[in-house]
PDB file of all heavy atoms in Angstrom:
ATOM      1  N   LEU A   1    -190.038  61.471 122.974  1.00  0.00           N
ATOM      2  CA  LEU A   1    -191.085  60.517 122.645  1.00  0.00           C
ATOM      3  C   LEU A   1    -192.144  60.453 123.742  1.00  0.00           C
ATOM      4  O   LEU A   1    -193.343  60.373 123.459  1.00  0.00           O
ATOM      5  CB  LEU A   1    -190.477  59.134 122.406  1.00  0.00           C
ATOM      6  CG  LEU A   1    -189.728  58.989 121.081  1.00  0.00           C
ATOM      7  CD1 LEU A   1    -188.819  57.776 121.091  1.00  0.00           C
ATOM      8  CD2 LEU A   1    -190.713  58.893 119.924  1.00  0.00           C
ATOM      9  N   ILE A   2    -191.714  60.497 124.994  1.00  0.00           N
ATOM     10  CA  ILE A   2    -192.675  60.502 126.096  1.00  0.00           C
ATOM     11  C   ILE A   2    -193.488  61.793 126.083  1.00  0.00           C
ATOM     12  O   ILE A   2    -194.684  61.800 126.381  1.00  0.00           O
ATOM     13  CB  ILE A   2    -191.944  60.304 127.441  1.00  0.00           C
ATOM     14  CG1 ILE A   2    -191.449  58.858 127.550  1.00  0.00           C
ATOM     15  CG2 ILE A   2    -192.857  60.644 128.621  1.00  0.00           C
ATOM     16  CD1 ILE A   2    -190.598  58.578 128.767  1.00  0.00           C
ATOM     17  N   GLN A   3    -192.853  62.887 125.701  1.00  0.00           N
ATOM     18  CA  GLN A   3    -193.563  64.172 125.653  1.00  0.00           C
ATOM     19  C   GLN A   3    -194.651  64.185 124.589  1.00  0.00           C
ATOM     20  O   GLN A   3    -195.755  64.707 124.821  1.00  0.00           O
ATOM     21  CB  GLN A   3    -192.569  65.307 125.383  1.00  0.00           C
ATOM     22  CG  GLN A   3    -193.226  66.682 125.274  1.00  0.00           C
ATOM     23  CD  GLN A   3    -192.246  67.773 124.868  1.00  0.00           C
ATOM     24  OE1 GLN A   3    -191.143  67.499 124.391  1.00  0.00           O
ATOM     25  NE2 GLN A   3    -192.648  69.020 125.058  1.00  0.00           N
ATOM     26  N   PHE A   4    -194.374  63.617 123.407  1.00  0.00           N
ATOM     27  CA  PHE A   4    -195.279  63.752 122.271  1.00  0.00           C
ATOM     28  C   PHE A   4    -196.123  62.506 121.984  1.00  0.00           C
ATOM     29  O   PHE A   4    -196.996  62.557 121.118  1.00  0.00           O
ATOM     30  CB  PHE A   4    -194.487  64.097 121.015  1.00  0.00           C
ATOM     31  CG  PHE A   4    -193.963  65.504 120.984  1.00  0.00           C
ATOM     32  CD1 PHE A   4    -192.608  65.764 121.129  1.00  0.00           C
ATOM     33  CD2 PHE A   4    -194.823  66.576 120.817  1.00  0.00           C
ATOM     34  CE1 PHE A   4    -192.116  67.059 121.103  1.00  0.00           C
ATOM     35  CE2 PHE A   4    -194.352  67.876 120.783  1.00  0.00           C
ATOM     36  CZ  PHE A   4    -192.998  68.119 120.937  1.00  0.00           C
ATOM     37  N   SER A   5    -195.888  61.394 122.683  1.00  0.00           N
ATOM     38  CA  SER A   5    -196.551  60.141 122.320  1.00  0.00           C
ATOM     39  C   SER A   5    -197.308  59.538 123.492  1.00  0.00           C
ATOM     40  O   SER A   5    -196.910  59.678 124.642  1.00  0.00           O
ATOM     41  CB  SER A   5    -195.516  59.112 121.835  1.00  0.00           C
ATOM     42  OG  SER A   5    -194.673  59.662 120.852  1.00  0.00           O
ATOM     43  N   SER A   6    -198.395  58.842 123.165  1.00  0.00           N
ATOM     44  CA  SER A   6    -199.145  58.099 124.177  1.00  0.00           C
ATOM     45  C   SER A   6    -199.378  56.682 123.673  1.00  0.00           C
ATOM     46  O   SER A   6    -199.205  56.382 122.488  1.00  0.00           O
ATOM     47  CB  SER A   6    -200.489  58.783 124.470  1.00  0.00           C
ATOM     48  OG  SER A   6    -201.297  58.803 123.311  1.00  0.00           O
ATOM     49  N   VAL A   7    -199.769  55.824 124.598  1.00  0.00           N
ATOM     50  CA  VAL A   7    -200.053  54.428 124.265  1.00  0.00           C
ATOM     51  C   VAL A   7    -201.564  54.231 124.269  1.00  0.00           C
ATOM     52  O   VAL A   7    -202.209  54.464 125.297  1.00  0.00           O
ATOM     53  CB  VAL A   7    -199.404  53.467 125.282  1.00  0.00           C
ATOM     54  CG1 VAL A   7    -199.691  52.020 124.902  1.00  0.00           C
ATOM     55  CG2 VAL A   7    -197.904  53.705 125.367  1.00  0.00           C
ATOM     56  N   PRO A   8    -202.158  53.834 123.138  1.00  0.00           N
ATOM     57  CA  PRO A   8    -203.610  53.634 123.105  1.00  0.00           C
ATOM     58  C   PRO A   8    -204.000  52.321 123.777  1.00  0.00           C
ATOM     59  O   PRO A   8    -204.442  51.371 123.131  1.00  0.00           O
ATOM     60  CB  PRO A   8    -203.926  53.627 121.604  1.00  0.00           C
ATOM     61  CG  PRO A   8    -202.676  53.113 120.981  1.00  0.00           C
ATOM     62  CD  PRO A   8    -201.538  53.617 121.825  1.00  0.00           C
ATOM     63  N   SER A   9    -203.804  52.242 125.088  1.00  0.00           N
ATOM     64  CA  SER A   9    -204.019  50.982 125.800  1.00  0.00           C
ATOM     65  C   SER A   9    -205.358  50.971 126.512  1.00  0.00           C
ATOM     66  O   SER A   9    -205.866  52.009 126.949  1.00  0.00           O
ATOM     67  CB  SER A   9    -202.891  50.755 126.816  1.00  0.00           C
ATOM     68  OG  SER A   9    -202.819  51.827 127.729  1.00  0.00           O
ATOM     69  N   PHE A  10    -205.920  49.787 126.622  1.00  0.00           N
ATOM     70  CA  PHE A  10    -207.170  49.642 127.356  1.00  0.00           C
ATOM     71  C   PHE A  10    -206.881  49.615 128.857  1.00  0.00           C
ATOM     72  O   PHE A  10    -205.742  49.428 129.286  1.00  0.00           O
ATOM     73  CB  PHE A  10    -207.925  48.388 126.922  1.00  0.00           C
ATOM     74  CG  PHE A  10    -207.129  47.110 126.957  1.00  0.00           C
ATOM     75  CD1 PHE A  10    -206.847  46.463 128.157  1.00  0.00           C
ATOM     76  CD2 PHE A  10    -206.646  46.546 125.782  1.00  0.00           C
ATOM     77  CE1 PHE A  10    -206.132  45.281 128.189  1.00  0.00           C
ATOM     78  CE2 PHE A  10    -205.922  45.364 125.801  1.00  0.00           C
ATOM     79  CZ  PHE A  10    -205.659  44.734 127.006  1.00  0.00           C
ATOM     80  N   ALA A  11    -207.917  49.820 129.651  1.00  0.00           N
ATOM     81  CA  ALA A  11    -207.758  49.855 131.107  1.00  0.00           C
ATOM     82  C   ALA A  11    -207.327  48.494 131.622  1.00  0.00           C
ATOM     83  O   ALA A  11    -207.723  47.443 131.095  1.00  0.00           O
ATOM     84  CB  ALA A  11    -209.067  50.269 131.755  1.00  0.00           C
ATOM     85  N   ALA A  12    -206.508  48.517 132.668  1.00  0.00           N
ATOM     86  CA  ALA A  12    -205.999  47.269 133.234  1.00  0.00           C
ATOM     87  C   ALA A  12    -207.119  46.383 133.760  1.00  0.00           C
ATOM     88  O   ALA A  12    -206.993  45.148 133.803  1.00  0.00           O
ATOM     89  CB  ALA A  12    -205.006  47.583 134.356  1.00  0.00           C
ATOM     90  N   ASP A  13    -208.248  46.984 134.149  1.00  0.00           N
ATOM     91  CA  ASP A  13    -209.353  46.206 134.707  1.00  0.00           C
ATOM     92  C   ASP A  13    -210.440  45.902 133.673  1.00  0.00           C
ATOM     93  O   ASP A  13    -211.528  45.445 134.031  1.00  0.00           O
ATOM     94  CB  ASP A  13    -209.965  46.914 135.912  1.00  0.00           C
ATOM     95  CG  ASP A  13    -210.503  48.308 135.559  1.00  0.00           C
ATOM     96  OD1 ASP A  13    -210.295  48.752 134.404  1.00  0.00           O
ATOM     97  OD2 ASP A  13    -211.106  48.938 136.437  1.00  0.00           O
ATOM     98  N   ALA A  14    -210.154  46.164 132.380  1.00  0.00           N
ATOM     99  CA  ALA A  14    -211.153  45.886 131.343  1.00  0.00           C
ATOM    100  C   ALA A  14    -211.383  44.380 131.239  1.00  0.00           C
ATOM    101  O   ALA A  14    -210.440  43.586 131.291  1.00  0.00           O
ATOM    102  CB  ALA A  14    -210.690  46.442 130.001  1.00  0.00           C
ATOM    103  N   SER A  15    -212.641  43.976 131.085  1.00  0.00           N
ATOM    104  CA  SER A  15    -212.954  42.547 131.011  1.00  0.00           C
ATOM    105  C   SER A  15    -212.610  41.997 129.630  1.00  0.00           C
ATOM    106  O   SER A  15    -212.637  42.711 128.631  1.00  0.00           O
ATOM    107  CB  SER A  15    -214.440  42.312 131.292  1.00  0.00           C
ATOM    108  OG  SER A  15    -215.224  42.791 130.219  1.00  0.00           O
ATOM    109  N   HIS A  16    -212.301  40.698 129.587  1.00  0.00           N
ATOM    110  CA  HIS A  16    -212.014  40.052 128.308  1.00  0.00           C
ATOM    111  C   HIS A  16    -213.233  40.112 127.398  1.00  0.00           C
ATOM    112  O   HIS A  16    -213.111  40.244 126.177  1.00  0.00           O
ATOM    113  CB  HIS A  16    -211.602  38.595 128.540  1.00  0.00           C
ATOM    114  CG  HIS A  16    -210.267  38.461 129.197  1.00  0.00           C
ATOM    115  ND1 HIS A  16    -209.863  37.322 129.839  1.00  0.00           N
ATOM    116  CD2 HIS A  16    -209.247  39.340 129.322  1.00  0.00           C
ATOM    117  CE1 HIS A  16    -208.645  37.498 130.330  1.00  0.00           C
ATOM    118  NE2 HIS A  16    -208.249  38.708 130.022  1.00  0.00           N
ATOM    119  N   LEU A  17    -214.429  40.034 127.989  1.00  0.00           N
ATOM    120  CA  LEU A  17    -215.649  40.061 127.195  1.00  0.00           C
ATOM    121  C   LEU A  17    -215.813  41.393 126.486  1.00  0.00           C
ATOM    122  O   LEU A  17    -216.074  41.434 125.272  1.00  0.00           O
ATOM    123  CB  LEU A  17    -216.862  39.795 128.091  1.00  0.00           C
ATOM    124  CG  LEU A  17    -218.236  39.888 127.397  1.00  0.00           C
ATOM    125  CD1 LEU A  17    -218.328  38.873 126.270  1.00  0.00           C
ATOM    126  CD2 LEU A  17    -219.360  39.683 128.403  1.00  0.00           C
ATOM    127  N   SER A  18    -215.627  42.498 127.207  1.00  0.00           N
ATOM    128  CA  SER A  18    -215.808  43.813 126.586  1.00  0.00           C
ATOM    129  C   SER A  18    -214.772  44.048 125.495  1.00  0.00           C
ATOM    130  O   SER A  18    -215.071  44.640 124.460  1.00  0.00           O
ATOM    131  CB  SER A  18    -215.724  44.918 127.640  1.00  0.00           C
ATOM    132  OG  SER A  18    -214.435  44.961 128.231  1.00  0.00           O
ATOM    133  N   LEU A  19    -213.537  43.581 125.714  1.00  0.00           N
ATOM    134  CA  LEU A  19    -212.490  43.750 124.707  1.00  0.00           C
ATOM    135  C   LEU A  19    -212.803  42.944 123.449  1.00  0.00           C
ATOM    136  O   LEU A  19    -212.672  43.438 122.329  1.00  0.00           O
ATOM    137  CB  LEU A  19    -211.135  43.325 125.275  1.00  0.00           C
ATOM    138  CG  LEU A  19    -210.575  44.219 126.379  1.00  0.00           C
ATOM    139  CD1 LEU A  19    -209.342  43.569 127.004  1.00  0.00           C
ATOM    140  CD2 LEU A  19    -210.239  45.590 125.842  1.00  0.00           C
ATOM    141  N   SER A  20    -213.225  41.695 123.619  1.00  0.00           N
ATOM    142  CA  SER A  20    -213.519  40.857 122.458  1.00  0.00           C
ATOM    143  C   SER A  20    -214.717  41.399 121.684  1.00  0.00           C
ATOM    144  O   SER A  20    -214.744  41.362 120.458  1.00  0.00           O
ATOM    145  CB  SER A  20    -213.781  39.414 122.900  1.00  0.00           C
ATOM    146  OG  SER A  20    -214.901  39.349 123.766  1.00  0.00           O
ATOM    147  N   GLN A  21    -215.712  41.945 122.403  1.00  0.00           N
ATOM    148  CA  GLN A  21    -216.872  42.507 121.721  1.00  0.00           C
ATOM    149  C   GLN A  21    -216.501  43.734 120.898  1.00  0.00           C
ATOM    150  O   GLN A  21    -216.965  43.898 119.769  1.00  0.00           O
ATOM    151  CB  GLN A  21    -217.953  42.876 122.747  1.00  0.00           C
ATOM    152  CG  GLN A  21    -218.672  41.673 123.330  1.00  0.00           C
ATOM    153  CD  GLN A  21    -219.651  42.057 124.421  1.00  0.00           C
ATOM    154  OE1 GLN A  21    -219.506  43.103 125.056  1.00  0.00           O
ATOM    155  NE2 GLN A  21    -220.641  41.215 124.651  1.00  0.00           N
ATOM    156  N   SER A  22    -215.638  44.587 121.443  1.00  0.00           N
ATOM    157  CA  SER A  22    -215.243  45.793 120.703  1.00  0.00           C
ATOM    158  C   SER A  22    -214.453  45.433 119.462  1.00  0.00           C
ATOM    159  O   SER A  22    -214.596  46.058 118.414  1.00  0.00           O
ATOM    160  CB  SER A  22    -214.443  46.728 121.605  1.00  0.00           C
ATOM    161  OG  SER A  22    -213.210  46.134 121.960  1.00  0.00           O
ATOM    162  N   LEU A  23    -213.602  44.402 119.562  1.00  0.00           N
ATOM    163  CA  LEU A  23    -212.832  43.980 118.386  1.00  0.00           C
ATOM    164  C   LEU A  23    -213.742  43.351 117.344  1.00  0.00           C
ATOM    165  O   LEU A  23    -213.589  43.578 116.137  1.00  0.00           O
ATOM    166  CB  LEU A  23    -211.742  42.995 118.813  1.00  0.00           C
ATOM    167  CG  LEU A  23    -210.589  43.590 119.627  1.00  0.00           C
ATOM    168  CD1 LEU A  23    -209.668  42.486 120.116  1.00  0.00           C
ATOM    169  CD2 LEU A  23    -209.812  44.611 118.811  1.00  0.00           C
ATOM    170  N   GLU A  24    -214.709  42.542 117.789  1.00  0.00           N
ATOM    171  CA  GLU A  24    -215.625  41.893 116.869  1.00  0.00           C
ATOM    172  C   GLU A  24    -216.463  42.917 116.114  1.00  0.00           C
ATOM    173  O   GLU A  24    -216.754  42.765 114.932  1.00  0.00           O
ATOM    174  CB  GLU A  24    -216.527  40.937 117.645  1.00  0.00           C
ATOM    175  CG  GLU A  24    -217.427  40.094 116.749  1.00  0.00           C
ATOM    176  CD  GLU A  24    -218.253  39.119 117.550  1.00  0.00           C
ATOM    177  OE1 GLU A  24    -218.832  39.540 118.572  1.00  0.00           O
ATOM    178  OE2 GLU A  24    -218.324  37.934 117.170  1.00  0.00           O
ATOM    179  N   GLU A  25    -216.833  44.000 116.822  1.00  0.00           N
ATOM    180  CA  GLU A  25    -217.643  45.037 116.200  1.00  0.00           C
ATOM    181  C   GLU A  25    -216.798  46.098 115.509  1.00  0.00           C
ATOM    182  O   GLU A  25    -217.318  47.073 114.983  1.00  0.00           O
ATOM    183  CB  GLU A  25    -218.514  45.695 117.284  1.00  0.00           C
ATOM    184  CG  GLU A  25    -219.521  44.734 117.892  1.00  0.00           C
ATOM    185  CD  GLU A  25    -220.140  45.281 119.174  1.00  0.00           C
ATOM    186  OE1 GLU A  25    -219.826  46.451 119.507  1.00  0.00           O
ATOM    187  OE2 GLU A  25    -220.901  44.558 119.826  1.00  0.00           O
ATOM    188  N   GLN A  26    -215.462  45.887 115.531  1.00  0.00           N
ATOM    189  CA  GLN A  26    -214.505  46.787 114.883  1.00  0.00           C
ATOM    190  C   GLN A  26    -214.659  48.222 115.388  1.00  0.00           C
ATOM    191  O   GLN A  26    -214.602  49.186 114.614  1.00  0.00           O
ATOM    192  CB  GLN A  26    -214.661  46.740 113.363  1.00  0.00           C
ATOM    193  CG  GLN A  26    -214.302  45.387 112.787  1.00  0.00           C
ATOM    194  CD  GLN A  26    -214.314  45.376 111.280  1.00  0.00           C
ATOM    195  OE1 GLN A  26    -215.042  46.116 110.635  1.00  0.00           O
ATOM    196  NE2 GLN A  26    -213.486  44.541 110.691  1.00  0.00           N
ATOM    197  N   GLU A  27    -214.852  48.346 116.684  1.00  0.00           N
ATOM    198  CA  GLU A  27    -214.929  49.664 117.291  1.00  0.00           C
ATOM    199  C   GLU A  27    -213.539  50.057 117.790  1.00  0.00           C
ATOM    200  O   GLU A  27    -213.153  49.762 118.908  1.00  0.00           O
ATOM    201  CB  GLU A  27    -215.937  49.674 118.448  1.00  0.00           C
ATOM    202  CG  GLU A  27    -217.372  49.458 118.005  1.00  0.00           C
ATOM    203  CD  GLU A  27    -218.332  49.445 119.176  1.00  0.00           C
ATOM    204  OE1 GLU A  27    -217.847  49.533 120.326  1.00  0.00           O
ATOM    205  OE2 GLU A  27    -219.537  49.336 118.947  1.00  0.00           O
ATOM    206  N   ILE A  28    -212.781  50.687 116.943  1.00  0.00           N
ATOM    207  CA  ILE A  28    -211.422  51.070 117.281  1.00  0.00           C
ATOM    208  C   ILE A  28    -211.413  52.529 117.695  1.00  0.00           C
ATOM    209  O   ILE A  28    -211.741  53.415 116.913  1.00  0.00           O
ATOM    210  CB  ILE A  28    -210.464  50.873 116.078  1.00  0.00           C
ATOM    211  CG1 ILE A  28    -210.523  49.422 115.601  1.00  0.00           C
ATOM    212  CG2 ILE A  28    -209.052  51.260 116.461  1.00  0.00           C
ATOM    213  CD1 ILE A  28    -210.077  48.405 116.610  1.00  0.00           C
ATOM    214  N   ASP A  29    -211.074  52.783 118.965  1.00  0.00           N
ATOM    215  CA  ASP A  29    -210.993  54.176 119.391  1.00  0.00           C
ATOM    216  C   ASP A  29    -209.590  54.457 119.904  1.00  0.00           C
ATOM    217  O   ASP A  29    -208.641  54.365 119.155  1.00  0.00           O
ATOM    218  CB  ASP A  29    -212.068  54.483 120.438  1.00  0.00           C
ATOM    219  CG  ASP A  29    -212.086  53.428 121.556  1.00  0.00           C
ATOM    220  OD1 ASP A  29    -211.072  52.727 121.722  1.00  0.00           O
ATOM    221  OD2 ASP A  29    -213.110  53.332 122.243  1.00  0.00           O
ATOM    222  N   ASP A  30    -209.457  54.805 121.162  1.00  0.00           N
ATOM    223  CA  ASP A  30    -208.143  55.137 121.682  1.00  0.00           C
ATOM    224  C   ASP A  30    -207.649  54.082 122.666  1.00  0.00           C
ATOM    225  O   ASP A  30    -206.799  54.360 123.491  1.00  0.00           O
ATOM    226  CB  ASP A  30    -208.170  56.517 122.354  1.00  0.00           C
ATOM    227  CG  ASP A  30    -209.137  56.561 123.531  1.00  0.00           C
ATOM    228  OD1 ASP A  30    -210.008  55.670 123.589  1.00  0.00           O
ATOM    229  OD2 ASP A  30    -209.008  57.461 124.371  1.00  0.00           O
ATOM    230  N   SER A  31    -208.164  52.858 122.587  1.00  0.00           N
ATOM    231  CA  SER A  31    -207.767  51.841 123.557  1.00  0.00           C
ATOM    232  C   SER A  31    -207.794  50.445 122.949  1.00  0.00           C
ATOM    233  O   SER A  31    -208.837  49.800 122.920  1.00  0.00           O
ATOM    234  CB  SER A  31    -208.695  51.902 124.780  1.00  0.00           C
ATOM    235  OG  SER A  31    -210.043  51.811 124.389  1.00  0.00           O
ATOM    236  N   TRP A  32    -206.653  49.992 122.443  1.00  0.00           N
ATOM    237  CA  TRP A  32    -206.592  48.672 121.852  1.00  0.00           C
ATOM    238  C   TRP A  32    -205.236  47.988 122.042  1.00  0.00           C
ATOM    239  O   TRP A  32    -204.951  46.987 121.422  1.00  0.00           O
ATOM    240  CB  TRP A  32    -206.944  48.727 120.363  1.00  0.00           C
ATOM    241  CG  TRP A  32    -206.441  49.935 119.631  1.00  0.00           C
ATOM    242  CD1 TRP A  32    -207.131  51.084 119.432  1.00  0.00           C
ATOM    243  CD2 TRP A  32    -205.154  50.142 119.016  1.00  0.00           C
ATOM    244  NE1 TRP A  32    -206.363  51.996 118.728  1.00  0.00           N
ATOM    245  CE2 TRP A  32    -205.156  51.443 118.458  1.00  0.00           C
ATOM    246  CE3 TRP A  32    -204.018  49.365 118.893  1.00  0.00           C
ATOM    247  CZ2 TRP A  32    -204.057  51.971 117.781  1.00  0.00           C
ATOM    248  CZ3 TRP A  32    -202.928  49.891 118.224  1.00  0.00           C
ATOM    249  CH2 TRP A  32    -202.955  51.180 117.672  1.00  0.00           C
ATOM    250  N   GLN A  33    -204.411  48.518 122.936  1.00  0.00           N
ATOM    251  CA  GLN A  33    -203.165  47.844 123.278  1.00  0.00           C
ATOM    252  C   GLN A  33    -203.215  47.398 124.734  1.00  0.00           C
ATOM    253  O   GLN A  33    -203.965  47.939 125.544  1.00  0.00           O
ATOM    254  CB  GLN A  33    -201.960  48.776 123.095  1.00  0.00           C
ATOM    255  CG  GLN A  33    -201.608  49.084 121.660  1.00  0.00           C
ATOM    256  CD  GLN A  33    -200.233  49.731 121.561  1.00  0.00           C
ATOM    257  OE1 GLN A  33    -199.340  49.456 122.347  1.00  0.00           O
ATOM    258  NE2 GLN A  33    -200.068  50.606 120.596  1.00  0.00           N
ATOM    259  N   ARG A  34    -202.369  46.426 125.052  1.00  0.00           N
ATOM    260  CA  ARG A  34    -202.246  45.996 126.447  1.00  0.00           C
ATOM    261  C   ARG A  34    -201.664  47.130 127.290  1.00  0.00           C
ATOM    262  O   ARG A  34    -200.841  47.906 126.803  1.00  0.00           O
ATOM    263  CB  ARG A  34    -201.301  44.786 126.552  1.00  0.00           C
ATOM    264  CG  ARG A  34    -201.825  43.528 125.883  1.00  0.00           C
ATOM    265  CD  ARG A  34    -200.859  42.389 126.091  1.00  0.00           C
ATOM    266  NE  ARG A  34    -199.546  42.695 125.531  1.00  0.00           N
ATOM    267  CZ  ARG A  34    -199.199  42.508 124.274  1.00  0.00           C
ATOM    268  NH1 ARG A  34    -200.076  42.015 123.416  1.00  0.00           N
ATOM    269  NH2 ARG A  34    -197.990  42.791 123.844  1.00  0.00           N
ATOM    270  N   PRO A  35    -202.059  47.222 128.566  1.00  0.00           N
ATOM    271  CA  PRO A  35    -201.436  48.222 129.446  1.00  0.00           C
ATOM    272  C   PRO A  35    -199.940  47.954 129.582  1.00  0.00           C
ATOM    273  O   PRO A  35    -199.472  46.819 129.421  1.00  0.00           O
ATOM    274  CB  PRO A  35    -202.151  48.009 130.785  1.00  0.00           C
ATOM    275  CG  PRO A  35    -203.444  47.342 130.423  1.00  0.00           C
ATOM    276  CD  PRO A  35    -203.143  46.490 129.222  1.00  0.00           C
ATOM    277  N   LEU A  36    -199.189  49.001 129.877  1.00  0.00           N
ATOM    278  CA  LEU A  36    -197.739  48.860 130.032  1.00  0.00           C
ATOM    279  C   LEU A  36    -197.416  47.943 131.197  1.00  0.00           C
ATOM    280  O   LEU A  36    -198.059  47.973 132.243  1.00  0.00           O
ATOM    281  CB  LEU A  36    -197.115  50.237 130.272  1.00  0.00           C
ATOM    282  CG  LEU A  36    -197.019  51.155 129.052  1.00  0.00           C
ATOM    283  CD1 LEU A  36    -196.804  52.591 129.482  1.00  0.00           C
ATOM    284  CD2 LEU A  36    -195.888  50.700 128.140  1.00  0.00           C
ATOM    285  N   ASP A  37    -196.390  47.128 131.007  1.00  0.00           N
ATOM    286  CA  ASP A  37    -195.877  46.231 132.048  1.00  0.00           C
ATOM    287  C   ASP A  37    -194.798  46.994 132.819  1.00  0.00           C
ATOM    288  O   ASP A  37    -193.670  47.144 132.338  1.00  0.00           O
ATOM    289  CB  ASP A  37    -195.299  44.974 131.392  1.00  0.00           C
ATOM    290  CG  ASP A  37    -194.758  43.972 132.396  1.00  0.00           C
ATOM    291  OD1 ASP A  37    -194.524  44.343 133.559  1.00  0.00           O
ATOM    292  OD2 ASP A  37    -194.542  42.817 131.995  1.00  0.00           O
ATOM    293  N   THR A  38    -195.137  47.505 134.001  1.00  0.00           N
ATOM    294  CA  THR A  38    -194.204  48.358 134.745  1.00  0.00           C
ATOM    295  C   THR A  38    -192.943  47.610 135.160  1.00  0.00           C
ATOM    296  O   THR A  38    -191.857  48.197 135.203  1.00  0.00           O
ATOM    297  CB  THR A  38    -194.891  48.952 135.980  1.00  0.00           C
ATOM    298  OG1 THR A  38    -195.458  47.898 136.768  1.00  0.00           O
ATOM    299  CG2 THR A  38    -196.005  49.903 135.560  1.00  0.00           C
ATOM    300  N   GLU A  39    -193.056  46.320 135.450  1.00  0.00           N
ATOM    301  CA  GLU A  39    -191.864  45.547 135.823  1.00  0.00           C
ATOM    302  C   GLU A  39    -190.893  45.459 134.651  1.00  0.00           C
ATOM    303  O   GLU A  39    -189.681  45.531 134.832  1.00  0.00           O
ATOM    304  CB  GLU A  39    -192.265  44.150 136.298  1.00  0.00           C
ATOM    305  CG  GLU A  39    -193.016  44.142 137.617  1.00  0.00           C
ATOM    306  CD  GLU A  39    -193.325  42.740 138.084  1.00  0.00           C
ATOM    307  OE1 GLU A  39    -192.940  41.776 137.373  1.00  0.00           O
ATOM    308  OE2 GLU A  39    -193.935  42.593 139.158  1.00  0.00           O
ATOM    309  N   ARG A  40    -191.428  45.303 133.454  1.00  0.00           N
ATOM    310  CA  ARG A  40    -190.573  45.238 132.263  1.00  0.00           C
ATOM    311  C   ARG A  40    -189.868  46.573 132.038  1.00  0.00           C
ATOM    312  O   ARG A  40    -188.689  46.611 131.654  1.00  0.00           O
ATOM    313  CB  ARG A  40    -191.421  44.865 131.054  1.00  0.00           C
ATOM    314  CG  ARG A  40    -190.635  44.685 129.769  1.00  0.00           C
ATOM    315  CD  ARG A  40    -191.566  44.246 128.657  1.00  0.00           C
ATOM    316  NE  ARG A  40    -190.883  44.196 127.375  1.00  0.00           N
ATOM    317  CZ  ARG A  40    -191.500  44.026 126.212  1.00  0.00           C
ATOM    318  NH1 ARG A  40    -192.808  43.875 126.188  1.00  0.00           N
ATOM    319  NH2 ARG A  40    -190.814  44.003 125.093  1.00  0.00           N
ATOM    320  N   ILE A  41    -190.587  47.672 132.270  1.00  0.00           N
ATOM    321  CA  ILE A  41    -189.981  48.997 132.121  1.00  0.00           C
ATOM    322  C   ILE A  41    -188.806  49.164 133.066  1.00  0.00           C
ATOM    323  O   ILE A  41    -187.731  49.630 132.676  1.00  0.00           O
ATOM    324  CB  ILE A  41    -191.049  50.088 132.369  1.00  0.00           C
ATOM    325  CG1 ILE A  41    -192.072  50.093 131.237  1.00  0.00           C
ATOM    326  CG2 ILE A  41    -190.392  51.470 132.500  1.00  0.00           C
ATOM    327  CD1 ILE A  41    -193.261  50.987 131.502  1.00  0.00           C
ATOM    328  N   VAL A  42    -188.982  48.776 134.319  1.00  0.00           N
ATOM    329  CA  VAL A  42    -187.911  48.897 135.314  1.00  0.00           C
ATOM    330  C   VAL A  42    -186.727  48.009 134.930  1.00  0.00           C
ATOM    331  O   VAL A  42    -185.561  48.403 135.080  1.00  0.00           O
ATOM    332  CB  VAL A  42    -188.437  48.547 136.718  1.00  0.00           C
ATOM    333  CG1 VAL A  42    -187.289  48.479 137.720  1.00  0.00           C
ATOM    334  CG2 VAL A  42    -189.467  49.570 137.167  1.00  0.00           C
ATOM    335  N   ARG A  43    -186.994  46.816 134.398  1.00  0.00           N
ATOM    336  CA  ARG A  43    -185.900  45.917 133.977  1.00  0.00           C
ATOM    337  C   ARG A  43    -185.079  46.559 132.859  1.00  0.00           C
ATOM    338  O   ARG A  43    -183.849  46.453 132.840  1.00  0.00           O
ATOM    339  CB  ARG A  43    -186.458  44.570 133.514  1.00  0.00           C
ATOM    340  CG  ARG A  43    -186.929  43.655 134.619  1.00  0.00           C
ATOM    341  CD  ARG A  43    -187.024  42.208 134.141  1.00  0.00           C
ATOM    342  NE  ARG A  43    -187.892  42.054 132.987  1.00  0.00           N
ATOM    343  CZ  ARG A  43    -189.195  41.820 133.065  1.00  0.00           C
ATOM    344  NH1 ARG A  43    -189.790  41.741 134.242  1.00  0.00           N
ATOM    345  NH2 ARG A  43    -189.919  41.666 131.962  1.00  0.00           N
ATOM    346  N   ILE A  44    -185.752  47.206 131.905  1.00  0.00           N
ATOM    347  CA  ILE A  44    -185.032  47.866 130.810  1.00  0.00           C
ATOM    348  C   ILE A  44    -184.157  48.984 131.359  1.00  0.00           C
ATOM    349  O   ILE A  44    -182.982  49.111 130.993  1.00  0.00           O
ATOM    350  CB  ILE A  44    -186.023  48.412 129.765  1.00  0.00           C
ATOM    351  CG1 ILE A  44    -186.712  47.246 129.036  1.00  0.00           C
ATOM    352  CG2 ILE A  44    -185.315  49.325 128.760  1.00  0.00           C
ATOM    353  CD1 ILE A  44    -187.827  47.679 128.103  1.00  0.00           C
TER     354      ILE A  44
END
């Protein structure tokens, strides 16, 4: 799964304003999920 799959996540430093504007304008590209939580990964 790691070999063949990626997470369409936005940049960790993306502003809330830019994210809300892209959603409002329905501009869906390759970045619309939250970045991975590395602490959660290590806990798993």
